[in-house]
Amino acid sequence: MSKESDAKRYARLRRGLWFADLLLGVLLLGLWVFSGAAVFYRDWVVSHLHGWPLQVGVYIGSLGAGMSLVAFPLDWIRDFWLEHRFGLSTLTFPRWMLDQAKQWLLGGLLGLAVVEGLSALLRFAPENWWGWAAFFWLGWSILLTRVAPTWLIPIFYRQTPLKEAALKQRLESLLNRCQTRVRGIFEVNLSRTTRKANACLCGLGKSRRVLISDTLLKGHPPEEVEVILAHEVGHLHLHHMGILIGASGLATGALCFLADRGIRFLLGPLSLTGLDDLAALPLLGLLFTGLSLVWMPFINGLSRILEAQADRYALDQTGNPRAFATAMRRLAERNLAEASPPKWVEWLLYDHPSIAKRIAMAEGADA
């Protein structure tokens, strides 16, 4: 079977599992909210625990843990079985479980911090909590961007300074031409989990650094690594991170405002005591999920525009459209990316232009 047909099958299965996971989450939250279980458990938590921060932590923490356990079979199929089925994963099951435990713990702690902050806004600023939520989400996004390369990524992957002198000099020359300052160029041992390849320019200020996967270094010649990095530098110089964070803040404010209308409408029918009711939190999660699906095509569309701009920046800075095209083909083959997805799939789910469109753009520039 050809790589192209494998990529199409892999993409279809990934999409199907994504939709299944989404549907399961909606069904679980919907059942919890509309069956009365949310109110029943709220009464138990409030009667046994004192202090709203502790009540929020126990209520949301136990609900999240329960939903994670129910969704675990789907996680295993999508992230372990499927990746091994197509020869992409390098993890044994025990190592995969260890990574899952890290993700659950880290995601749980970060998610709980967000929910505790949201609960505080619902309690102390019920009339305009949605505006404050947008403001604080901007700060939260900036903070995570700042600490990701130095605190979060190292939890899963080891970073070591790039040792290959000739390649390092080539990449540093690119960064100097683009007037881009970084704290260093690092190799990331992505091969410990997958055969896929990637690179990024991440962080803010003193935390900004170039991260290149060992799989990319081993599978691509220097000119392709250079043009991939040039794409990442393009995001920085074209202020794409600020644009996306700003769009995310605006979207958060709009979604929270609409969710506020929905909660107020359902307070009476669901026997909720107010916006700060513990049982309103899973309802809020359900509303966020539905509203986010409506917003997703728009934010993905914006992202595709920015990615196309970064592609053109990479070609301008390197003057090597041929290397860009070959890099895209090699990445598509290595990552089993579907080169030409159905139009509705790209419109709804893709935050990058399709591989076929990116290659056509480069070949057009080379003509």
Protein backbone atom coordinates (compact mmCIF):
# COMPACT_ATOMS: atom_id res chain seq x y z
CA MET A 1 0.00 0.00 0.00
CA SER A 2 1.38 3.47 -0.95
CA LYS A 3 2.32 6.20 1.51
CA GLU A 4 -0.40 8.40 0.03
CA SER A 5 -3.15 5.85 0.69
CA ASP A 6 -1.72 5.24 4.18
CA ALA A 7 -1.87 8.97 4.85
CA LYS A 8 -5.50 9.16 3.75
CA ARG A 9 -6.49 6.19 5.93
CA TYR A 10 -4.55 7.58 8.88
CA ALA A 11 -6.19 11.00 8.49
CA ARG A 12 -9.69 9.51 8.22
CA LEU A 13 -9.18 7.43 11.35
CA ARG A 14 -7.75 10.40 13.26
CA ARG A 15 -10.75 12.52 12.27
CA GLY A 16 -13.19 9.81 13.23
CA LEU A 17 -11.57 9.40 16.64
CA TRP A 18 -11.54 13.17 17.14
CA PHE A 19 -15.27 13.36 16.46
CA ALA A 20 -15.89 10.34 18.70
CA ASP A 21 -13.95 11.95 21.54
CA LEU A 22 -15.84 15.22 21.07
CA LEU A 23 -19.19 13.41 21.03
CA LEU A 24 -18.31 11.40 24.13
CA GLY A 25 -17.34 14.55 26.03
CA VAL A 26 -20.58 16.31 25.06
CA LEU A 27 -22.68 13.27 26.00
CA LEU A 28 -20.98 12.89 29.38
CA LEU A 29 -21.33 16.57 30.25
CA GLY A 30 -24.88 16.68 28.94
CA LEU A 31 -25.87 13.64 30.97
CA TRP A 32 -24.20 15.06 34.06
CA VAL A 33 -25.91 18.44 33.73
CA PHE A 34 -29.42 17.50 32.58
CA SER A 35 -29.89 14.33 34.65
CA GLY A 36 -29.65 16.26 37.90
CA ALA A 37 -26.36 14.59 38.88
CA ALA A 38 -24.57 17.96 38.81
CA VAL A 39 -26.93 19.42 41.41
CA PHE A 40 -26.93 16.24 43.53
CA TYR A 41 -23.11 16.14 43.68
CA ARG A 42 -22.99 19.89 44.37
CA ASP A 43 -25.17 19.40 47.43
CA TRP A 44 -22.88 16.63 48.69
CA VAL A 45 -19.69 18.66 48.16
CA VAL A 46 -21.10 21.81 49.77
CA SER A 47 -22.38 19.87 52.79
CA HIS A 48 -19.06 18.08 53.40
CA LEU A 49 -16.45 20.71 52.50
CA HIS A 50 -15.96 24.31 53.54
CA GLY A 51 -14.53 27.14 51.48
CA TRP A 52 -15.41 27.65 47.83
CA PRO A 53 -11.87 27.16 46.44
CA LEU A 54 -11.71 23.68 47.99
CA GLN A 55 -15.25 22.91 46.85
CA VAL A 56 -14.41 23.95 43.28
CA GLY A 57 -11.21 21.90 43.31
CA VAL A 58 -12.90 18.72 44.54
CA TYR A 59 -16.00 19.12 42.36
CA ILE A 60 -14.17 19.83 39.09
CA GLY A 61 -11.16 17.64 39.89
CA SER A 62 -13.25 14.54 40.53
CA LEU A 63 -15.51 15.24 37.54
CA GLY A 64 -12.50 15.70 35.26
CA ALA A 65 -10.83 12.55 36.57
CA GLY A 66 -14.00 10.54 36.00
CA MET A 67 -14.40 11.80 32.45
CA SER A 68 -10.73 11.03 31.72
CA LEU A 69 -11.19 7.46 32.89
CA VAL A 70 -14.25 6.97 30.70
CA ALA A 71 -12.40 8.47 27.71
CA PHE A 72 -9.23 6.44 28.31
CA PRO A 73 -10.06 3.68 25.77
CA LEU A 74 -10.43 6.31 23.04
CA ASP A 75 -7.17 7.93 24.11
CA TRP A 76 -5.42 4.57 23.88
CA ILE A 77 -6.81 3.88 20.42
CA ARG A 78 -5.96 7.34 19.07
CA ASP A 79 -2.59 8.02 20.71
CA PHE A 80 -1.11 4.54 21.13
CA TRP A 81 -2.74 1.89 18.95
CA LEU A 82 -3.23 4.05 15.86
CA GLU A 83 0.26 5.55 16.03
CA HIS A 84 1.79 2.05 16.28
CA ARG A 85 -0.55 0.73 13.58
CA PHE A 86 0.98 3.18 11.10
CA GLY A 87 4.54 2.90 12.37
CA LEU A 88 4.73 6.42 13.84
CA SER A 89 5.16 5.81 17.57
CA THR A 90 8.36 4.67 19.27
CA LEU A 91 6.80 4.34 22.74
CA THR A 92 6.25 1.12 24.63
CA PHE A 93 2.98 0.93 26.53
CA PRO A 94 4.57 1.57 29.97
CA ARG A 95 6.40 4.63 28.65
CA TRP A 96 3.22 5.84 26.96
CA MET A 97 1.33 5.46 30.24
CA LEU A 98 4.03 7.46 32.04
CA ASP A 99 3.66 10.27 29.50
CA GLN A 100 -0.12 10.08 29.84
CA ALA A 101 0.20 10.41 33.62
CA LYS A 102 2.39 13.50 33.14
CA GLN A 103 -0.13 15.00 30.73
CA TRP A 104 -3.05 14.28 33.05
CA LEU A 105 -1.23 15.79 36.03
CA LEU A 106 0.03 18.87 34.20
CA GLY A 107 -3.22 19.39 32.30
CA GLY A 108 -5.21 18.88 35.49
CA LEU A 109 -3.19 21.45 37.43
CA LEU A 110 -3.32 24.05 34.65
CA GLY A 111 -6.99 23.38 34.00
CA LEU A 112 -7.83 23.61 37.70
CA ALA A 113 -6.04 26.97 37.91
CA VAL A 114 -8.20 28.25 35.04
CA VAL A 115 -11.41 26.92 36.59
CA GLU A 116 -10.57 28.37 40.01
CA GLY A 117 -9.99 31.77 38.40
CA LEU A 118 -13.20 31.49 36.41
CA SER A 119 -15.12 30.52 39.54
CA ALA A 120 -13.75 33.59 41.31
CA LEU A 121 -14.95 35.83 38.48
CA LEU A 122 -18.41 34.25 38.52
CA ARG A 123 -18.58 34.79 42.29
CA PHE A 124 -17.18 38.32 42.59
CA ALA A 125 -18.00 39.88 39.20
CA PRO A 126 -21.19 38.12 38.03
CA GLU A 127 -22.39 40.99 35.84
CA ASN A 128 -19.29 41.41 33.70
CA TRP A 129 -17.24 38.27 34.40
CA TRP A 130 -17.03 37.52 30.70
CA GLY A 131 -15.02 40.70 30.01
CA TRP A 132 -12.61 39.99 32.85
CA ALA A 133 -12.28 36.42 31.60
CA ALA A 134 -11.08 37.69 28.21
CA PHE A 135 -8.58 40.01 29.88
CA PHE A 136 -7.14 37.34 32.16
CA TRP A 137 -7.05 34.80 29.31
CA LEU A 138 -4.72 37.13 27.43
CA GLY A 139 -2.39 37.23 30.43
CA TRP A 140 -2.61 33.46 30.90
CA SER A 141 -1.77 32.85 27.24
CA ILE A 142 1.26 35.15 27.42
CA LEU A 143 2.45 33.47 30.61
CA LEU A 144 2.21 29.96 29.10
CA THR A 145 4.03 31.14 25.97
CA ARG A 146 6.77 32.57 28.15
CA VAL A 147 7.33 29.46 30.29
CA ALA A 148 6.62 26.71 27.73
CA PRO A 149 10.18 26.20 26.40
CA THR A 150 11.89 26.35 29.80
CA TRP A 151 9.35 24.75 32.16
CA LEU A 152 6.72 22.77 30.27
CA ILE A 153 8.40 21.17 27.25
CA PRO A 154 11.34 19.80 29.32
CA ILE A 155 8.85 17.73 31.33
CA PHE A 156 8.42 15.56 28.25
CA TYR A 157 11.48 16.12 26.05
CA ARG A 158 15.18 16.70 26.67
CA GLN A 159 16.75 19.76 25.07
CA THR A 160 20.47 19.88 24.23
CA PRO A 161 22.41 22.60 22.38
CA LEU A 162 22.73 21.87 18.67
CA LYS A 163 26.16 20.29 18.15
CA GLU A 164 26.46 20.14 14.36
CA ALA A 165 28.71 23.15 13.77
CA ALA A 166 28.04 23.73 10.07
CA LEU A 167 24.26 23.59 10.48
CA LYS A 168 24.38 25.75 13.60
CA GLN A 169 26.39 28.39 11.75
CA ARG A 170 23.92 28.28 8.84
CA LEU A 171 20.92 28.74 11.13
CA GLU A 172 22.62 31.49 13.13
CA SER A 173 23.35 33.29 9.86
CA LEU A 174 19.64 33.11 8.99
CA LEU A 175 18.68 34.46 12.41
CA ASN A 176 21.17 37.32 12.06
CA ARG A 177 19.85 38.22 8.60
CA CYS A 178 16.35 38.29 10.03
CA GLN A 179 17.52 40.27 13.09
CA THR A 180 16.15 37.62 15.41
CA ARG A 181 17.62 37.12 18.86
CA VAL A 182 17.25 33.78 20.61
CA ARG A 183 18.73 32.21 23.74
CA GLY A 184 20.04 29.30 21.74
CA ILE A 185 19.36 26.59 19.17
CA PHE A 186 18.45 23.28 20.75
CA GLU A 187 17.94 19.72 19.60
CA VAL A 188 14.87 18.03 21.10
CA ASN A 189 14.71 14.24 21.47
CA LEU A 190 11.31 13.87 19.81
CA SER A 191 12.36 10.38 18.67
CA ARG A 192 11.72 9.09 22.20
CA THR A 193 7.99 9.20 21.39
CA THR A 194 7.51 9.39 17.62
CA ARG A 195 9.07 9.20 14.16
CA LYS A 196 7.38 12.46 13.18
CA ALA A 197 9.49 15.62 12.74
CA ASN A 198 8.99 19.23 13.75
CA ALA A 199 10.70 22.51 14.63
CA CYS A 200 9.61 25.73 16.30
CA LEU A 201 10.71 29.13 17.51
CA CYS A 202 9.03 29.43 20.88
CA GLY A 203 9.05 31.51 24.02
CA LEU A 204 9.09 35.24 24.76
CA GLY A 205 11.98 37.52 25.60
CA LYS A 206 14.73 35.68 27.45
CA SER A 207 12.94 32.34 27.05
CA ARG A 208 12.85 32.53 23.22
CA ARG A 209 14.73 29.66 21.64
CA VAL A 210 14.85 27.50 18.53
CA LEU A 211 13.79 23.88 19.07
CA ILE A 212 14.50 21.34 16.33
CA SER A 213 13.55 17.69 16.65
CA ASP A 214 16.26 15.09 16.27
CA THR A 215 14.02 13.38 13.71
CA LEU A 216 14.08 16.52 11.56
CA LEU A 217 17.86 16.80 11.83
CA LYS A 218 18.36 13.19 10.81
CA GLY A 219 15.79 13.13 8.02
CA HIS A 220 16.32 16.47 6.26
CA PRO A 221 19.33 18.14 4.60
CA PRO A 222 20.56 21.51 5.98
CA GLU A 223 18.82 23.64 3.34
CA GLU A 224 15.44 22.14 4.30
CA VAL A 225 16.05 22.69 8.01
CA GLU A 226 16.95 26.29 7.20
CA VAL A 227 13.78 26.98 5.22
CA ILE A 228 11.62 25.37 7.92
CA LEU A 229 13.24 27.61 10.54
CA ALA A 230 12.75 30.62 8.25
CA HIS A 231 9.03 29.87 8.30
CA GLU A 232 9.05 29.94 12.11
CA VAL A 233 11.02 33.20 12.12
CA GLY A 234 8.36 34.61 9.79
CA HIS A 235 5.73 34.14 12.47
CA LEU A 236 7.82 36.26 14.84
CA HIS A 237 8.58 39.08 12.40
CA LEU A 238 5.03 39.26 11.13
CA HIS A 239 3.69 39.44 14.72
CA HIS A 240 1.53 36.38 14.27
CA MET A 241 1.72 35.32 17.88
CA GLY A 242 0.29 38.64 19.01
CA ILE A 243 -2.43 38.45 16.39
CA LEU A 244 -3.47 34.95 17.44
CA ILE A 245 -3.35 35.74 21.16
CA GLY A 246 -5.41 38.88 20.54
CA ALA A 247 -7.93 36.93 18.44
CA SER A 248 -8.08 34.29 21.15
CA GLY A 249 -8.81 36.97 23.75
CA LEU A 250 -11.59 38.48 21.66
CA ALA A 251 -13.04 35.04 21.01
CA THR A 252 -12.88 34.20 24.70
CA GLY A 253 -14.80 37.35 25.57
CA ALA A 254 -17.45 36.65 22.93
CA LEU A 255 -17.82 32.99 23.92
CA CYS A 256 -18.04 33.85 27.60
CA PHE A 257 -20.68 36.51 26.90
CA LEU A 258 -22.81 34.02 24.94
CA ALA A 259 -22.27 31.36 27.60
CA ASP A 260 -23.38 33.89 30.23
CA ARG A 261 -26.67 34.33 28.36
CA GLY A 262 -27.10 30.57 28.17
CA ILE A 263 -26.43 29.98 31.87
CA ARG A 264 -28.83 32.73 32.95
CA PHE A 265 -31.54 31.22 30.75
CA LEU A 266 -31.04 27.76 32.32
CA LEU A 267 -30.63 28.77 35.98
CA GLY A 268 -34.27 28.09 36.86
CA PRO A 269 -34.89 24.93 34.79
CA LEU A 270 -31.74 23.28 36.17
CA SER A 271 -32.28 24.37 39.80
CA LEU A 272 -29.08 26.41 39.89
CA THR A 273 -28.72 29.00 42.66
CA GLY A 274 -26.70 31.47 40.59
CA LEU A 275 -23.74 31.91 38.30
CA ASP A 276 -21.39 30.92 41.11
CA ASP A 277 -23.19 27.60 41.69
CA LEU A 278 -20.78 24.67 41.46
CA ALA A 279 -23.27 22.87 39.25
CA ALA A 280 -23.05 25.75 36.75
CA LEU A 281 -19.41 24.93 35.97
CA PRO A 282 -20.05 21.74 33.94
CA LEU A 283 -22.90 23.56 32.17
CA LEU A 284 -20.43 26.29 31.32
CA GLY A 285 -18.05 23.65 29.95
CA LEU A 286 -20.82 22.23 27.80
CA LEU A 287 -21.70 25.67 26.43
CA PHE A 288 -18.04 26.46 25.77
CA THR A 289 -17.67 23.22 23.80
CA GLY A 290 -20.61 23.99 21.55
CA LEU A 291 -19.69 27.63 21.02
CA SER A 292 -16.04 26.74 20.35
CA LEU A 293 -17.12 24.47 17.51
CA VAL A 294 -18.87 27.43 15.90
CA TRP A 295 -15.77 29.58 16.32
CA MET A 296 -13.25 26.94 15.22
CA PRO A 297 -13.54 27.44 11.42
CA PHE A 298 -12.89 31.17 11.83
CA ILE A 299 -9.80 30.87 14.04
CA ASN A 300 -8.46 28.08 11.81
CA GLY A 301 -9.09 30.22 8.76
CA LEU A 302 -7.13 33.08 10.32
CA SER A 303 -4.33 30.67 11.20
CA ARG A 304 -4.14 29.38 7.62
CA ILE A 305 -3.75 32.95 6.35
CA LEU A 306 -0.91 33.59 8.80
CA GLU A 307 0.79 30.29 7.94
CA ALA A 308 0.70 31.17 4.24
CA GLN A 309 2.30 34.53 5.05
CA ALA A 310 5.06 32.76 7.00
CA ASP A 311 5.63 30.44 4.03
CA ARG A 312 6.16 33.41 1.73
CA TYR A 313 8.48 35.01 4.28
CA ALA A 314 10.57 31.82 4.34
CA LEU A 315 10.91 31.89 0.56
CA ASP A 316 11.87 35.57 0.60
CA GLN A 317 14.56 35.05 3.23
CA THR A 318 16.09 31.87 1.84
CA GLY A 319 15.45 32.29 -1.87
CA ASN A 320 15.10 28.53 -2.01
CA PRO A 321 11.57 27.49 -3.04
CA ARG A 322 12.84 24.11 -4.21
CA ALA A 323 14.11 23.26 -0.71
CA PHE A 324 10.75 24.39 0.71
CA ALA A 325 8.81 22.11 -1.64
CA THR A 326 11.02 19.10 -0.95
CA ALA A 327 10.84 19.77 2.79
CA MET A 328 7.03 19.76 2.63
CA ARG A 329 7.00 16.50 0.68
CA ARG A 330 9.43 14.88 3.10
CA LEU A 331 7.48 16.09 6.15
CA ALA A 332 4.21 14.87 4.65
CA GLU A 333 5.69 11.43 4.06
CA ARG A 334 7.33 11.21 7.47
CA ASN A 335 4.32 12.55 9.40
CA LEU A 336 1.74 10.75 7.23
CA ALA A 337 0.05 14.06 6.49
CA GLU A 338 -2.79 14.01 3.99
CA ALA A 339 -1.52 16.22 1.16
CA SER A 340 -4.94 17.05 -0.34
CA PRO A 341 -7.68 16.69 2.30
CA PRO A 342 -11.36 17.19 1.45
CA LYS A 343 -12.26 20.88 1.29
CA TRP A 344 -14.63 20.69 4.25
CA VAL A 345 -11.91 19.06 6.36
CA GLU A 346 -9.40 21.80 5.58
CA TRP A 347 -12.01 24.50 6.22
CA LEU A 348 -13.11 23.08 9.57
CA LEU A 349 -10.04 21.41 11.06
CA TYR A 350 -6.81 22.60 9.44
CA ASP A 351 -4.82 25.46 10.97
CA HIS A 352 -2.27 25.21 8.11
CA PRO A 353 -2.89 25.26 4.36
CA SER A 354 -2.83 21.77 2.93
CA ILE A 355 0.57 20.35 1.97
CA ALA A 356 -0.48 20.36 -1.70
CA LYS A 357 -1.26 24.10 -1.58
CA ARG A 358 2.02 24.90 0.17
CA ILE A 359 4.01 22.94 -2.39
CA ALA A 360 2.12 24.57 -5.27
CA MET A 361 2.89 28.00 -3.81
CA ALA A 362 6.61 27.20 -3.65
CA GLU A 363 6.69 25.71 -7.14
CA GLY A 364 4.92 28.79 -8.45
CA ALA A 365 7.60 30.98 -6.88
CA ASP A 366 10.27 28.80 -8.49
CA ALA A 367 8.76 29.05 -11.97
